[in-house]
Structure formats: structure tokens, C-alpha cells
Amino acid sequence: MAVEYTDANFKEKVLDSEKLTMVDFWAEWCGPCRAIGPVVEELSKEYNGSVNIGKVNVDQNPQLSINYGITSIPAIIFVKGGKVVDKLVGAQPKSNFVKKIEALK
């Protein structure tokens, strides 16, 4: 299952990790976010720890959204070595996430 990242655990789980991390910024009320939710879960199972995959609820963690300039959701950032290395905005097909992960990991 995708990890829930929060203002409290983001540094430890994402920024301090040596692995590529895919972070999905989402909200309950966002239709496109709900549409890609199952895809994020599938990727989490498929990569099973070789890539960190998690979600940030923007309503519960507004500081992270501000820190990363998230102005529309869903927004997916890819973090490696503590830095954002790529970003996707809007609902995307699973193949787009796979291509990004494979290119970056």
C-alpha cells in the first residue's frame, strides 16, 4: 500500500531516502486524484520497496504543498537524493508513471 506522507514524516521518509520516491499530492474532493489513486496503489505493490511510492493529502498537509509549489492536483513529484528530479501534473495513464520511474531509478 502507498505510504501516507505528512508534514511530520516527509523529511525522514522522502528527503532522507536514497531511493527514488514518487509522491502523489491529492485530495478527497478531487475527481482526477481519485481516478489515479488505484494506479498509485498498483505501482506501490509492483515496485514493492525498490521505489518509495506514497501520497500527500494536500488538505491535511498544506505546508508540503506550499514548499513544492503545488497549485493544481493531482501533482506527482519524483524525488531522489533529497531533490525533485521530475514532476507530472494531472491524471495520467499508468504507462507515464512507469516510464518516469524506470528513467529515474
Protein backbone atom coordinates (compact mmCIF):
# COMPACT_ATOMS: atom_id res chain seq x y z
CA MET A 1 0.00 0.00 0.00
CA ALA A 2 1.20 3.51 -0.77
CA VAL A 3 2.66 5.28 2.26
CA GLU A 4 0.89 8.37 3.59
CA TYR A 5 3.47 11.15 3.73
CA THR A 6 2.84 14.06 6.10
CA ASP A 7 4.44 17.32 7.16
CA ALA A 8 5.86 15.33 10.10
CA ASN A 9 7.42 12.36 8.26
CA PHE A 10 8.28 13.80 4.81
CA LYS A 11 11.91 14.64 5.57
CA GLU A 12 12.66 11.21 7.04
CA LYS A 13 10.72 9.10 4.52
CA VAL A 14 11.29 11.10 1.32
CA LEU A 15 14.13 13.61 1.52
CA ASP A 16 16.49 11.40 3.54
CA SER A 17 15.82 8.28 1.43
CA GLU A 18 18.44 7.03 -1.01
CA LYS A 19 15.73 5.53 -3.22
CA LEU A 20 13.66 7.25 -5.87
CA THR A 21 10.39 8.38 -4.31
CA MET A 22 7.16 9.11 -6.17
CA VAL A 23 4.85 11.44 -4.23
CA ASP A 24 1.21 11.90 -5.27
CA PHE A 25 -0.32 15.17 -4.00
CA TRP A 26 -4.08 14.61 -3.82
CA ALA A 27 -7.34 15.45 -2.00
CA GLU A 28 -10.55 13.54 -1.22
CA TRP A 29 -12.70 16.00 -3.20
CA CYS A 30 -10.54 15.79 -6.36
CA GLY A 31 -12.09 13.53 -9.03
CA PRO A 32 -8.91 13.07 -11.12
CA CYS A 33 -7.00 12.31 -7.88
CA ARG A 34 -9.44 9.54 -7.03
CA ALA A 35 -9.12 8.24 -10.61
CA ILE A 36 -5.34 7.75 -10.33
CA GLY A 37 -5.45 6.51 -6.71
CA PRO A 38 -5.74 2.83 -7.75
CA VAL A 39 -2.85 3.28 -10.20
CA VAL A 40 -0.65 4.67 -7.40
CA GLU A 41 -1.59 1.65 -5.25
CA GLU A 42 -0.76 -0.77 -8.10
CA LEU A 43 2.63 0.85 -8.63
CA SER A 44 3.32 0.66 -4.90
CA LYS A 45 2.70 -3.12 -4.99
CA GLU A 46 4.62 -3.65 -8.24
CA TYR A 47 7.73 -1.77 -7.12
CA ASN A 48 7.39 -3.24 -3.61
CA GLY A 49 10.04 -1.15 -1.86
CA SER A 50 12.53 -0.80 -4.74
CA VAL A 51 10.95 2.63 -5.28
CA ASN A 52 9.18 4.52 -2.49
CA ILE A 53 5.65 5.41 -3.52
CA GLY A 54 3.33 7.48 -1.38
CA LYS A 55 0.69 10.16 -1.16
CA VAL A 56 0.28 13.56 0.46
CA ASN A 57 -3.23 14.75 1.31
CA VAL A 58 -2.99 18.47 0.49
CA ASP A 59 -5.83 19.40 2.85
CA GLN A 60 -4.11 17.75 5.83
CA ASN A 61 -0.55 18.80 4.92
CA PRO A 62 -0.75 22.31 3.43
CA GLN A 63 2.89 23.16 4.21
CA LEU A 64 4.20 20.45 1.86
CA SER A 65 2.01 21.79 -0.95
CA ILE A 66 3.42 25.28 -0.38
CA ASN A 67 7.01 24.00 -0.15
CA TYR A 68 6.74 22.21 -3.50
CA GLY A 69 4.68 24.81 -5.36
CA ILE A 70 1.69 22.53 -5.80
CA THR A 71 -1.06 24.68 -7.31
CA SER A 72 -3.17 22.02 -9.04
CA ILE A 73 -3.78 18.38 -8.23
CA PRO A 74 -3.16 15.61 -8.82
CA ALA A 75 0.51 16.53 -8.94
CA ILE A 76 3.17 13.86 -8.77
CA ILE A 77 6.75 14.71 -7.90
CA PHE A 78 9.72 12.40 -8.17
CA VAL A 79 12.39 12.92 -5.51
CA LYS A 80 15.88 11.43 -5.47
CA GLY A 81 18.74 12.39 -3.21
CA GLY A 82 16.55 14.94 -1.45
CA LYS A 83 15.80 16.88 -4.66
CA VAL A 84 12.83 16.98 -7.02
CA VAL A 85 14.05 15.38 -10.26
CA ASP A 86 10.78 15.38 -12.21
CA LYS A 87 7.08 16.22 -11.97
CA LEU A 88 3.79 15.24 -13.61
CA VAL A 89 0.58 17.26 -13.25
CA GLY A 90 -2.92 15.96 -13.88
CA ALA A 91 -4.37 12.49 -14.25
CA GLN A 92 -2.01 10.33 -16.30
CA PRO A 93 -2.11 6.79 -17.67
CA LYS A 94 -0.13 4.24 -15.68
CA SER A 95 2.39 3.91 -18.53
CA ASN A 96 3.51 7.53 -17.99
CA PHE A 97 4.35 6.83 -14.33
CA VAL A 98 6.19 3.63 -15.25
CA LYS A 99 8.26 5.46 -17.90
CA LYS A 100 9.26 8.16 -15.40
CA ILE A 101 10.12 5.65 -12.66
CA GLU A 102 12.19 3.48 -15.00
CA ALA A 103 14.06 6.50 -16.39
CA LEU A 104 14.83 7.93 -12.94
CA LYS A 105 15.54 4.96 -10.66
